[in-house]
Protein backbone atom coordinates (compact mmCIF):
# COMPACT_ATOMS: atom_id res chain seq x y z
CA MET A 1 137.76 -42.24 53.95
CA ILE A 2 135.60 -39.32 55.08
CA CYS A 3 136.99 -35.84 54.83
CA GLY A 4 135.74 -33.28 57.29
CA ASN A 5 136.50 -29.60 57.62
CA ALA A 6 139.64 -29.87 59.72
CA PHE A 7 141.18 -33.31 59.54
CA PRO A 8 140.65 -36.21 57.26
CA GLN A 9 139.29 -39.22 59.07
CA SER A 10 138.79 -42.72 57.95
CA VAL A 11 135.94 -44.93 59.04
CA ARG A 12 135.92 -48.64 58.71
CA PHE A 13 132.74 -50.58 58.36
CA SER A 14 131.86 -53.99 57.24
CA LEU A 15 128.77 -55.36 55.59
CA ASP A 16 127.66 -58.93 55.77
CA LEU A 17 126.16 -60.77 52.86
CA PRO A 18 122.59 -60.58 54.32
CA ASP A 19 122.99 -56.82 54.75
CA LEU A 20 124.12 -56.47 51.16
CA LYS A 21 121.22 -58.59 49.96
CA GLU A 22 118.77 -56.45 51.95
CA TRP A 23 120.32 -53.24 50.59
CA ASP A 24 120.08 -54.64 47.05
CA ARG A 25 116.47 -55.68 47.55
CA GLN A 26 115.50 -52.26 48.88
CA THR A 27 117.21 -50.40 46.05
CA GLN A 28 115.48 -52.62 43.52
CA GLU A 29 112.06 -52.22 45.16
CA TYR A 30 112.36 -48.46 45.59
CA PRO A 31 111.15 -47.62 42.03
CA LEU A 32 108.26 -50.03 42.45
CA ILE A 33 107.28 -48.44 45.74
CA LYS A 34 107.60 -44.97 44.22
CA LYS A 35 105.33 -45.99 41.34
CA LEU A 36 102.85 -47.46 43.81
CA VAL A 37 102.85 -44.27 45.90
CA ASP A 38 102.43 -42.15 42.77
CA SER A 39 99.51 -44.29 41.56
CA GLN A 40 97.91 -44.10 45.00
CA ALA A 41 98.28 -40.32 44.99
CA THR A 42 96.68 -40.17 41.55
CA THR A 43 93.84 -42.43 42.68
CA ILE A 44 93.27 -40.31 45.78
CA SER A 45 93.19 -37.17 43.66
CA GLU A 46 90.68 -38.70 41.25
CA LEU A 47 88.52 -39.92 44.13
CA GLU A 48 88.54 -36.46 45.70
CA LYS A 49 87.46 -34.95 42.38
CA SER A 50 84.67 -37.47 41.96
CA LEU A 51 83.57 -36.85 45.55
CA ALA A 52 83.41 -33.11 44.90
CA ILE A 53 81.35 -33.72 41.75
CA ALA A 54 79.03 -36.07 43.64
CA GLN A 55 78.53 -33.47 46.37
CA LYS A 56 77.70 -30.81 43.77
CA GLU A 57 75.21 -33.18 42.13
CA ARG A 58 73.64 -33.91 45.51
CA ASP A 59 73.31 -30.19 46.22
CA LEU A 60 71.70 -29.64 42.82
CA GLU A 61 69.27 -32.50 43.46
CA LYS A 62 68.34 -30.94 46.82
CA ARG A 63 67.68 -27.61 45.10
CA GLU A 64 65.63 -29.35 42.43
CA ASN A 65 63.57 -31.14 45.07
CA GLU A 66 62.96 -27.87 46.91
CA LEU A 67 61.86 -26.20 43.69
CA ASN A 68 59.57 -29.12 42.88
CA LEU A 69 57.99 -28.83 46.32
CA ARG A 70 57.44 -25.10 45.75
CA ILE A 71 55.88 -25.80 42.37
CA ILE A 72 53.55 -28.37 43.96
CA GLU A 73 52.54 -25.84 46.63
CA ILE A 74 51.80 -23.23 43.96
CA LYS A 75 49.75 -25.76 41.96
CA ASP A 76 47.79 -26.65 45.11
CA LYS A 77 47.08 -22.97 45.74
CA GLU A 78 46.03 -22.54 42.12
CA ILE A 79 43.66 -25.51 42.37
CA ALA A 80 42.19 -24.11 45.59
CA ALA A 81 41.66 -20.73 43.90
CA ILE A 82 39.98 -22.37 40.90
CA ASN A 83 37.68 -24.34 43.20
CA ARG A 84 36.85 -21.18 45.16
CA ASN A 85 36.11 -19.27 41.93
CA PHE A 86 34.00 -22.13 40.65
CA ASP A 87 31.94 -22.09 43.85
CA GLN A 88 31.51 -18.34 43.52
CA MET A 89 30.42 -18.71 39.92
CA LYS A 90 27.89 -21.34 40.96
CA GLU A 91 26.48 -18.83 43.45
CA VAL A 92 26.29 -16.17 40.73
CA ALA A 93 24.52 -18.60 38.41
CA ASP A 94 22.06 -19.58 41.16
CA ARG A 95 21.30 -15.92 41.86
CA SER A 96 20.75 -15.18 38.20
CA LEU A 97 18.42 -18.19 37.93
CA LYS A 98 16.46 -16.94 40.93
CA LEU A 99 16.20 -13.50 39.38
CA VAL A 100 14.95 -15.02 36.15
CA GLU A 101 12.32 -17.01 38.04
CA VAL A 102 11.19 -14.01 40.07
CA SER A 103 10.96 -11.61 37.18
CA LYS A 104 7.95 -11.39 34.94
CA PRO A 105 7.15 -14.35 32.75
CA LYS A 106 9.04 -14.25 29.53
CA SER A 107 8.83 -16.23 26.41
CA ASN A 108 10.85 -19.41 26.17
CA TRP A 109 13.36 -17.80 23.83
CA GLU A 110 14.18 -15.02 26.27
CA LEU A 111 14.49 -17.51 29.15
CA LEU A 112 16.76 -19.79 27.15
CA GLY A 113 18.84 -16.79 26.09
CA GLY A 114 19.35 -15.82 29.76
CA PHE A 115 20.37 -19.37 30.67
CA GLY A 116 22.66 -19.50 27.65
CA LEU A 117 24.30 -16.22 28.66
CA VAL A 118 24.90 -17.50 32.20
CA ALA A 119 26.28 -20.77 30.83
CA ILE A 120 28.65 -18.92 28.51
CA ILE A 121 29.89 -16.68 31.34
CA VAL A 122 30.50 -19.69 33.62
CA THR A 123 32.29 -21.55 30.81
CA VAL A 124 34.53 -18.59 29.97
CA ILE A 125 35.51 -18.03 33.61
CA ALA A 126 36.14 -21.74 34.20
CA ALA A 127 38.26 -21.94 31.01
CA ALA A 128 40.30 -18.93 32.13
CA PHE A 129 41.44 -20.76 35.24
């Protein structure tokens, strides 16, 4: 019997045995389905978290690669500067050798001292770079 606001009414319905079996099956499976849905929601949440972490790692790897490329560019520039300075030092050494040859004849000790001084200067500058 169903009671409404104004007048009580009665409703008759009948259920067959297959309908009752289906209703029983559904009520028994409902907790299993709920557990399955809950586990799927948990799995989806964990996958979303792992995806976010993977994306952050990928972004960090991109930054690291960019920084490595910048470092390589700086090293290349440094090598080019060292080569340029070495060439300039060779020119300075050649000029000093020419000046030594042009100047008045000196004893072997003075000539070796001049060469030694030029060699030391070239070595110090090359070691600095």
